[in-house]
């Protein structure tokens, strides 16, 4: 069960890294002082990646809990 727990932890960390990347991307765009249309385009590109990263992180946490319960 250790493999299940560690693989879940790796998934969660990958999701967390994706969330950090999304935060940094939007933060940089905000600091660049872009116009409304440019900012909207960046945000529309980041939202699906943010959702996927959040889903990956949650799935990783679920795998960790399942590994703990089975172990």
N, C-alpha and C. Protein backbone atom coordinates (compact mmCIF):
# COMPACT_ATOMS: atom_id res chain seq x y z
N UNK A 1 0.80 -1.20 0.00
CA UNK A 1 0.00 0.00 0.00
C UNK A 1 0.84 1.26 0.00
N UNK A 2 2.13 1.10 0.30
CA UNK A 2 3.00 2.28 0.28
C UNK A 2 3.07 2.90 -1.10
N UNK A 3 3.05 2.07 -2.13
CA UNK A 3 3.11 2.60 -3.50
C UNK A 3 1.87 3.43 -3.80
N UNK A 4 0.71 2.98 -3.34
CA UNK A 4 -0.53 3.71 -3.57
C UNK A 4 -0.48 5.06 -2.86
N UNK A 5 -0.01 5.07 -1.63
CA UNK A 5 0.06 6.32 -0.86
C UNK A 5 1.03 7.29 -1.51
N UNK A 6 2.22 6.81 -1.87
CA UNK A 6 3.22 7.70 -2.46
C UNK A 6 2.82 8.17 -3.86
N UNK A 7 2.14 7.32 -4.62
CA UNK A 7 1.69 7.77 -5.94
C UNK A 7 0.59 8.82 -5.78
N UNK A 8 -0.27 8.67 -4.79
CA UNK A 8 -1.28 9.69 -4.52
C UNK A 8 -0.65 11.00 -4.07
N UNK A 9 0.39 10.90 -3.26
CA UNK A 9 1.09 12.10 -2.83
C UNK A 9 1.75 12.80 -4.02
N UNK A 10 2.30 12.02 -4.94
CA UNK A 10 2.91 12.59 -6.13
C UNK A 10 1.86 13.29 -7.00
N UNK A 11 0.68 12.67 -7.12
CA UNK A 11 -0.40 13.31 -7.89
C UNK A 11 -0.82 14.62 -7.24
N UNK A 12 -0.92 14.62 -5.93
CA UNK A 12 -1.31 15.84 -5.22
C UNK A 12 -0.26 16.94 -5.41
N UNK A 13 1.01 16.56 -5.33
CA UNK A 13 2.06 17.56 -5.53
C UNK A 13 2.08 18.09 -6.96
N UNK A 14 1.80 17.22 -7.92
CA UNK A 14 1.72 17.68 -9.31
C UNK A 14 0.56 18.66 -9.48
N UNK A 15 -0.57 18.36 -8.86
CA UNK A 15 -1.70 19.28 -8.91
C UNK A 15 -1.40 20.59 -8.23
N UNK A 16 -0.70 20.53 -7.11
CA UNK A 16 -0.31 21.75 -6.40
C UNK A 16 0.65 22.59 -7.24
N UNK A 17 1.56 21.94 -7.93
CA UNK A 17 2.47 22.67 -8.81
C UNK A 17 1.70 23.35 -9.94
N UNK A 18 0.69 22.66 -10.47
CA UNK A 18 -0.15 23.26 -11.50
C UNK A 18 -0.92 24.47 -10.99
N UNK A 19 -1.43 24.37 -9.77
CA UNK A 19 -2.13 25.50 -9.18
C UNK A 19 -1.20 26.69 -8.96
N UNK A 20 0.01 26.41 -8.51
CA UNK A 20 1.00 27.49 -8.33
C UNK A 20 1.34 28.14 -9.66
N UNK A 21 1.46 27.33 -10.71
CA UNK A 21 1.75 27.88 -12.03
C UNK A 21 0.63 28.81 -12.49
N UNK A 22 -0.62 28.40 -12.26
CA UNK A 22 -1.76 29.23 -12.64
C UNK A 22 -1.75 30.56 -11.88
N UNK A 23 -1.47 30.49 -10.60
CA UNK A 23 -1.42 31.70 -9.79
C UNK A 23 -0.33 32.64 -10.31
N UNK A 24 0.84 32.09 -10.58
CA UNK A 24 1.94 32.92 -11.08
C UNK A 24 1.63 33.52 -12.44
N UNK A 25 0.97 32.76 -13.31
CA UNK A 25 0.64 33.25 -14.64
C UNK A 25 -0.30 34.44 -14.57
N UNK A 26 -1.32 34.34 -13.74
CA UNK A 26 -2.28 35.44 -13.60
C UNK A 26 -1.64 36.62 -12.90
N UNK A 27 -0.82 36.34 -11.90
CA UNK A 27 -0.15 37.42 -11.17
C UNK A 27 0.76 38.22 -12.09
N UNK A 28 1.51 37.51 -12.95
CA UNK A 28 2.38 38.21 -13.91
C UNK A 28 1.58 39.03 -14.90
N UNK A 29 0.47 38.48 -15.35
CA UNK A 29 -0.37 39.21 -16.30
C UNK A 29 -0.96 40.46 -15.64
N UNK A 30 -1.33 40.35 -14.38
CA UNK A 30 -1.89 41.50 -13.67
C UNK A 30 -0.84 42.59 -13.48
N UNK A 31 0.38 42.17 -13.15
CA UNK A 31 1.46 43.14 -12.95
C UNK A 31 1.89 43.79 -14.26
N UNK A 32 1.67 43.11 -15.38
CA UNK A 32 2.07 43.66 -16.68
C UNK A 32 1.15 44.81 -17.12
N UNK A 33 0.02 44.95 -16.45
CA UNK A 33 -0.88 46.04 -16.79
C UNK A 33 -1.54 45.87 -18.14
N UNK A 34 -1.92 44.66 -18.47
CA UNK A 34 -2.54 44.40 -19.77
C UNK A 34 -3.94 45.00 -19.83
N UNK A 35 -4.40 45.18 -21.04
CA UNK A 35 -5.75 45.69 -21.24
C UNK A 35 -6.78 44.62 -20.92
N UNK A 36 -8.03 45.02 -21.00
CA UNK A 36 -9.13 44.14 -20.63
C UNK A 36 -9.18 42.89 -21.52
N UNK A 37 -9.02 43.07 -22.81
CA UNK A 37 -9.12 41.93 -23.74
C UNK A 37 -7.95 40.96 -23.57
N UNK A 38 -6.75 41.49 -23.39
CA UNK A 38 -5.59 40.62 -23.20
C UNK A 38 -5.69 39.83 -21.90
N UNK A 39 -6.14 40.52 -20.85
CA UNK A 39 -6.31 39.85 -19.56
C UNK A 39 -7.39 38.78 -19.65
N UNK A 40 -8.46 39.08 -20.34
CA UNK A 40 -9.54 38.11 -20.52
C UNK A 40 -9.05 36.87 -21.27
N UNK A 41 -8.21 37.07 -22.28
CA UNK A 41 -7.68 35.94 -23.04
C UNK A 41 -6.78 35.06 -22.18
N UNK A 42 -5.97 35.70 -21.35
CA UNK A 42 -5.09 34.93 -20.46
C UNK A 42 -5.91 34.14 -19.45
N UNK A 43 -6.91 34.80 -18.86
CA UNK A 43 -7.74 34.13 -17.87
C UNK A 43 -8.53 32.98 -18.49
N UNK A 44 -9.00 33.15 -19.71
CA UNK A 44 -9.73 32.07 -20.37
C UNK A 44 -8.82 30.88 -20.65
N UNK A 45 -7.54 31.11 -20.84
CA UNK A 45 -6.61 30.01 -21.04
C UNK A 45 -6.19 29.34 -19.75
N UNK A 46 -6.20 30.10 -18.64
CA UNK A 46 -5.74 29.57 -17.37
C UNK A 46 -6.84 28.77 -16.65
N UNK A 47 -8.09 29.15 -16.85
CA UNK A 47 -9.19 28.51 -16.11
C UNK A 47 -9.25 27.00 -16.34
N UNK A 48 -9.17 26.48 -17.56
CA UNK A 48 -9.19 25.01 -17.71
C UNK A 48 -7.98 24.33 -17.06
N UNK A 49 -6.83 24.96 -17.14
CA UNK A 49 -5.64 24.37 -16.51
C UNK A 49 -5.77 24.40 -14.99
N UNK A 50 -6.35 25.47 -14.46
CA UNK A 50 -6.57 25.56 -13.03
C UNK A 50 -7.53 24.47 -12.56
N UNK A 51 -8.59 24.26 -13.31
CA UNK A 51 -9.56 23.22 -12.96
C UNK A 51 -8.92 21.84 -13.03
N UNK A 52 -8.13 21.59 -14.05
CA UNK A 52 -7.46 20.29 -14.18
C UNK A 52 -6.47 20.07 -13.05
N UNK A 53 -5.74 21.10 -12.68
CA UNK A 53 -4.78 20.97 -11.59
C UNK A 53 -5.49 20.71 -10.26
N UNK A 54 -6.60 21.37 -10.05
CA UNK A 54 -7.38 21.14 -8.82
C UNK A 54 -7.92 19.72 -8.80
N UNK A 55 -8.42 19.24 -9.92
CA UNK A 55 -8.92 17.87 -10.01
C UNK A 55 -7.81 16.87 -9.76
N UNK A 56 -6.64 17.10 -10.31
CA UNK A 56 -5.51 16.20 -10.11
C UNK A 56 -5.10 16.16 -8.64
N UNK A 57 -5.11 17.30 -8.00
CA UNK A 57 -4.75 17.37 -6.58
C UNK A 57 -5.78 16.62 -5.73
N UNK A 58 -7.05 16.80 -6.03
CA UNK A 58 -8.09 16.11 -5.27
C UNK A 58 -8.02 14.60 -5.50
N UNK A 59 -7.80 14.18 -6.73
CA UNK A 59 -7.67 12.75 -7.01
C UNK A 59 -6.48 12.15 -6.26
N UNK A 60 -5.40 12.89 -6.20
CA UNK A 60 -4.23 12.42 -5.45
C UNK A 60 -4.54 12.25 -3.98
N UNK A 61 -5.28 13.20 -3.42
CA UNK A 61 -5.65 13.08 -2.01
C UNK A 61 -6.60 11.91 -1.78
N UNK A 62 -7.49 11.65 -2.72
CA UNK A 62 -8.38 10.49 -2.62
C UNK A 62 -7.57 9.21 -2.64
N UNK A 63 -6.57 9.14 -3.52
CA UNK A 63 -5.72 7.94 -3.60
C UNK A 63 -4.97 7.75 -2.30
N UNK A 64 -4.49 8.83 -1.71
CA UNK A 64 -3.78 8.73 -0.42
C UNK A 64 -4.71 8.17 0.65
N UNK A 65 -5.93 8.68 0.72
CA UNK A 65 -6.88 8.22 1.74
C UNK A 65 -7.23 6.75 1.51
N UNK A 66 -7.44 6.36 0.28
CA UNK A 66 -7.73 4.95 -0.02
C UNK A 66 -6.56 4.08 0.36
N UNK A 67 -5.36 4.52 0.07
CA UNK A 67 -4.17 3.75 0.45
C UNK A 67 -4.05 3.60 1.96
N UNK A 68 -4.37 4.65 2.69
CA UNK A 68 -4.30 4.57 4.16
C UNK A 68 -5.37 3.63 4.69
N UNK A 69 -6.59 3.73 4.12
CA UNK A 69 -7.67 2.87 4.60
C UNK A 69 -7.42 1.39 4.28
N UNK A 70 -6.82 1.12 3.14
CA UNK A 70 -6.54 -0.27 2.76
C UNK A 70 -5.29 -0.82 3.47
N UNK A 71 -4.43 0.06 3.88
CA UNK A 71 -3.18 -0.37 4.50
C UNK A 71 -3.37 -0.60 5.94
